[in-house]
Amino acid sequence: MWWASQRVTWVPSYAALLVVLGRSFGRRAWVLVPLIAVLILASDQLASGLLKPWVLRLRPSHEPGLASQLHLLHGYRGGLYGFVSSHAANAFALAFYLLFTARHRLPWLAWVLLPWATLVAYSRLYLGVHYPSDVLVPLLLSLPLAYGTSRLYAGAVARWFPILPTRSAVET
């Protein structure tokens, strides 16, 4: 679970995902991929920039009554506050965004990304740095963020990459 929670662990998977998206979406990937960066930025800021400082709920690893009962791997305790999990928010936002935008071209992708996001979220619980609600709430919050970003993608693609009529349709 330690490795599942480390962002650098997933770099080869992210690189493979970029290759798959580039090959499947062609020029449209130039819209799809930057919107992933926008989505992750929005998701991360919602979790770490807004909700954590607003709610101020201690992580289990920092809770005086719980900390001594937890088995913390490598002494990792995370930051002071944990509601909501940025790891879970970002993972679910990416998974849902690609589910909404790539489900027709890459129907198998959801079967890879949703279990991956679930593993990342579970690893945060396992490591003792989040409560269950810390990973369930971002799952729900990521849905409208991902859907809205997928609508931005659809609008941008319709504007910049319109489907042109075929020659036979023009002649008839």
Protein backbone atom coordinates (compact mmCIF):
# COMPACT_ATOMS: atom_id res chain seq x y z
CA MET A 1 0.00 0.00 0.00
CA TRP A 2 2.97 2.29 0.54
CA TRP A 3 3.83 2.09 -3.16
CA ALA A 4 0.21 2.45 -4.26
CA SER A 5 0.08 5.74 -2.41
CA GLN A 6 3.26 7.19 -3.90
CA ARG A 7 2.68 9.42 -6.93
CA VAL A 8 6.05 8.58 -8.50
CA THR A 9 5.05 4.89 -8.57
CA TRP A 10 2.45 5.68 -11.20
CA VAL A 11 4.69 7.69 -13.57
CA PRO A 12 5.14 4.76 -16.02
CA SER A 13 1.37 4.21 -16.01
CA TYR A 14 0.75 7.90 -16.68
CA ALA A 15 3.23 7.80 -19.55
CA ALA A 16 1.52 4.74 -21.02
CA LEU A 17 -1.85 6.45 -20.61
CA LEU A 18 -0.59 9.50 -22.51
CA VAL A 19 0.61 7.27 -25.34
CA VAL A 20 -2.75 5.47 -25.49
CA LEU A 21 -4.66 8.75 -25.45
CA GLY A 22 -2.40 10.26 -28.12
CA ARG A 23 -2.86 7.28 -30.42
CA SER A 24 -6.60 7.00 -29.83
CA PHE A 25 -7.48 10.69 -30.01
CA GLY A 26 -4.88 12.00 -32.46
CA ARG A 27 -5.00 15.79 -32.72
CA ARG A 28 -7.87 15.90 -30.22
CA ALA A 29 -5.43 14.71 -27.55
CA TRP A 30 -4.03 18.26 -27.69
CA VAL A 31 -7.30 19.29 -26.03
CA LEU A 32 -7.89 16.18 -23.91
CA VAL A 33 -4.51 16.09 -22.16
CA PRO A 34 -4.22 19.78 -21.13
CA LEU A 35 -7.71 19.54 -19.69
CA ILE A 36 -6.42 16.69 -17.51
CA ALA A 37 -3.91 19.15 -16.06
CA VAL A 38 -6.67 21.72 -15.49
CA LEU A 39 -8.89 19.10 -13.86
CA ILE A 40 -6.16 17.84 -11.53
CA LEU A 41 -5.29 21.42 -10.58
CA ALA A 42 -8.94 22.17 -9.81
CA SER A 43 -9.38 18.92 -7.90
CA ASP A 44 -6.22 19.41 -5.89
CA GLN A 45 -7.06 23.02 -5.04
CA LEU A 46 -10.58 22.05 -3.98
CA ALA A 47 -9.17 19.37 -1.66
CA SER A 48 -6.00 20.98 -0.31
CA GLY A 49 -6.61 24.67 -0.89
CA LEU A 50 -10.25 24.92 0.16
CA LEU A 51 -11.62 21.95 2.10
CA LYS A 52 -8.65 20.98 4.30
CA PRO A 53 -8.10 24.54 5.62
CA TRP A 54 -11.84 25.06 6.05
CA VAL A 55 -12.72 21.80 7.82
CA LEU A 56 -9.47 21.45 9.83
CA ARG A 57 -10.08 17.80 10.74
CA LEU A 58 -6.99 16.03 12.02
CA ARG A 59 -5.80 12.95 10.18
CA PRO A 60 -6.07 9.69 12.14
CA SER A 61 -2.26 9.68 12.29
CA HIS A 62 -2.35 13.04 14.10
CA GLU A 63 -5.35 12.34 16.33
CA PRO A 64 -4.00 12.05 19.89
CA GLY A 65 -6.37 9.22 20.83
CA LEU A 66 -5.69 7.18 17.69
CA ALA A 67 -2.09 7.82 16.70
CA SER A 68 -0.67 5.36 19.23
CA GLN A 69 -3.01 2.60 17.98
CA LEU A 70 -1.98 2.92 14.32
CA HIS A 71 0.85 1.05 12.66
CA LEU A 72 2.39 3.79 10.54
CA LEU A 73 4.60 2.60 7.68
CA HIS A 74 7.99 4.31 7.54
CA GLY A 75 6.72 6.74 10.18
CA TYR A 76 4.61 8.46 7.52
CA ARG A 77 1.84 10.57 9.07
CA GLY A 78 0.95 13.00 6.26
CA GLY A 79 0.10 16.63 6.82
CA LEU A 80 -1.86 17.77 9.85
CA TYR A 81 -5.32 17.83 8.27
CA GLY A 82 -6.88 15.13 6.13
CA PHE A 83 -10.40 16.00 5.04
CA VAL A 84 -10.47 15.46 2.07
CA SER A 85 -7.86 13.22 0.47
CA SER A 86 -6.11 14.97 -2.41
CA HIS A 87 -4.82 11.61 -3.63
CA ALA A 88 -8.35 10.23 -3.86
CA ALA A 89 -9.77 13.43 -5.33
CA ASN A 90 -7.18 13.55 -8.11
CA ALA A 91 -7.34 9.83 -8.89
CA PHE A 92 -11.13 9.76 -9.10
CA ALA A 93 -11.29 13.01 -11.05
CA LEU A 94 -8.93 11.59 -13.69
CA ALA A 95 -10.76 8.26 -13.80
CA PHE A 96 -14.20 9.85 -14.20
CA TYR A 97 -13.00 12.43 -16.73
CA LEU A 98 -11.59 9.73 -18.97
CA LEU A 99 -14.67 7.60 -18.39
CA PHE A 100 -16.83 10.48 -19.64
CA THR A 101 -14.61 11.46 -22.57
CA ALA A 102 -13.03 8.20 -23.70
CA ARG A 103 -15.73 5.60 -23.03
CA HIS A 104 -16.60 5.21 -26.73
CA ARG A 105 -13.04 5.06 -28.07
CA LEU A 106 -11.51 3.16 -25.14
CA PRO A 107 -14.33 1.29 -23.34
CA TRP A 108 -11.85 -0.84 -21.38
CA LEU A 109 -10.21 2.21 -19.81
CA ALA A 110 -12.84 2.54 -17.07
CA TRP A 111 -12.09 -1.05 -16.01
CA VAL A 112 -8.48 0.01 -15.46
CA LEU A 113 -8.83 3.53 -14.04
CA LEU A 114 -11.67 3.02 -11.56
CA PRO A 115 -9.96 0.10 -9.76
CA TRP A 116 -6.71 2.11 -9.84
CA ALA A 117 -8.44 5.11 -8.20
CA THR A 118 -10.03 2.79 -5.65
CA LEU A 119 -6.61 1.29 -4.85
CA VAL A 120 -5.11 4.75 -4.36
CA ALA A 121 -8.00 5.74 -2.08
CA TYR A 122 -7.81 2.50 -0.09
CA SER A 123 -4.05 2.90 0.33
CA ARG A 124 -4.68 6.19 2.13
CA LEU A 125 -6.95 4.40 4.61
CA TYR A 126 -4.51 1.53 5.02
CA LEU A 127 -1.65 3.90 5.77
CA GLY A 128 -3.71 5.49 8.55
CA VAL A 129 -3.64 8.98 7.10
CA HIS A 130 -7.34 9.24 6.21
CA TYR A 131 -10.76 8.27 7.50
CA PRO A 132 -13.24 6.56 5.12
CA SER A 133 -15.16 9.82 4.59
CA ASP A 134 -11.90 11.48 3.52
CA VAL A 135 -11.83 9.26 0.43
CA LEU A 136 -15.59 8.87 -0.17
CA VAL A 137 -16.37 12.59 -0.28
CA PRO A 138 -13.77 13.30 -3.01
CA LEU A 139 -15.20 10.40 -5.00
CA LEU A 140 -18.51 12.28 -5.03
CA LEU A 141 -16.94 15.73 -5.54
CA SER A 142 -14.88 14.50 -8.47
CA LEU A 143 -17.97 13.52 -10.46
CA PRO A 144 -19.21 17.06 -11.23
CA LEU A 145 -15.63 18.30 -11.73
CA ALA A 146 -14.89 15.50 -14.19
CA TYR A 147 -18.24 15.89 -15.95
CA GLY A 148 -17.79 19.65 -16.31
CA THR A 149 -14.29 19.18 -17.70
CA SER A 150 -15.58 16.57 -20.15
CA ARG A 151 -18.17 19.11 -21.34
CA LEU A 152 -15.35 21.64 -21.85
CA TYR A 153 -13.55 19.01 -23.91
CA ALA A 154 -16.65 18.32 -26.01
CA GLY A 155 -17.17 22.04 -26.65
CA ALA A 156 -13.54 22.65 -27.54
CA VAL A 157 -13.43 19.67 -29.90
CA ALA A 158 -16.68 20.73 -31.58
CA ARG A 159 -15.23 24.19 -32.14
CA TRP A 160 -11.65 23.36 -33.14
CA PHE A 161 -12.08 19.93 -34.73
CA PRO A 162 -15.51 19.94 -36.36
CA ILE A 163 -16.60 16.86 -38.22
CA LEU A 164 -16.56 17.84 -41.86
CA PRO A 165 -19.08 16.31 -44.24
CA THR A 166 -17.72 13.59 -46.47
CA ARG A 167 -17.42 14.11 -50.20
CA SER A 168 -20.32 11.77 -50.96
CA ALA A 169 -22.59 13.65 -48.54
CA VAL A 170 -21.72 16.95 -50.25
CA GLU A 171 -22.42 15.59 -53.75
CA THR A 172 -25.92 14.28 -52.92
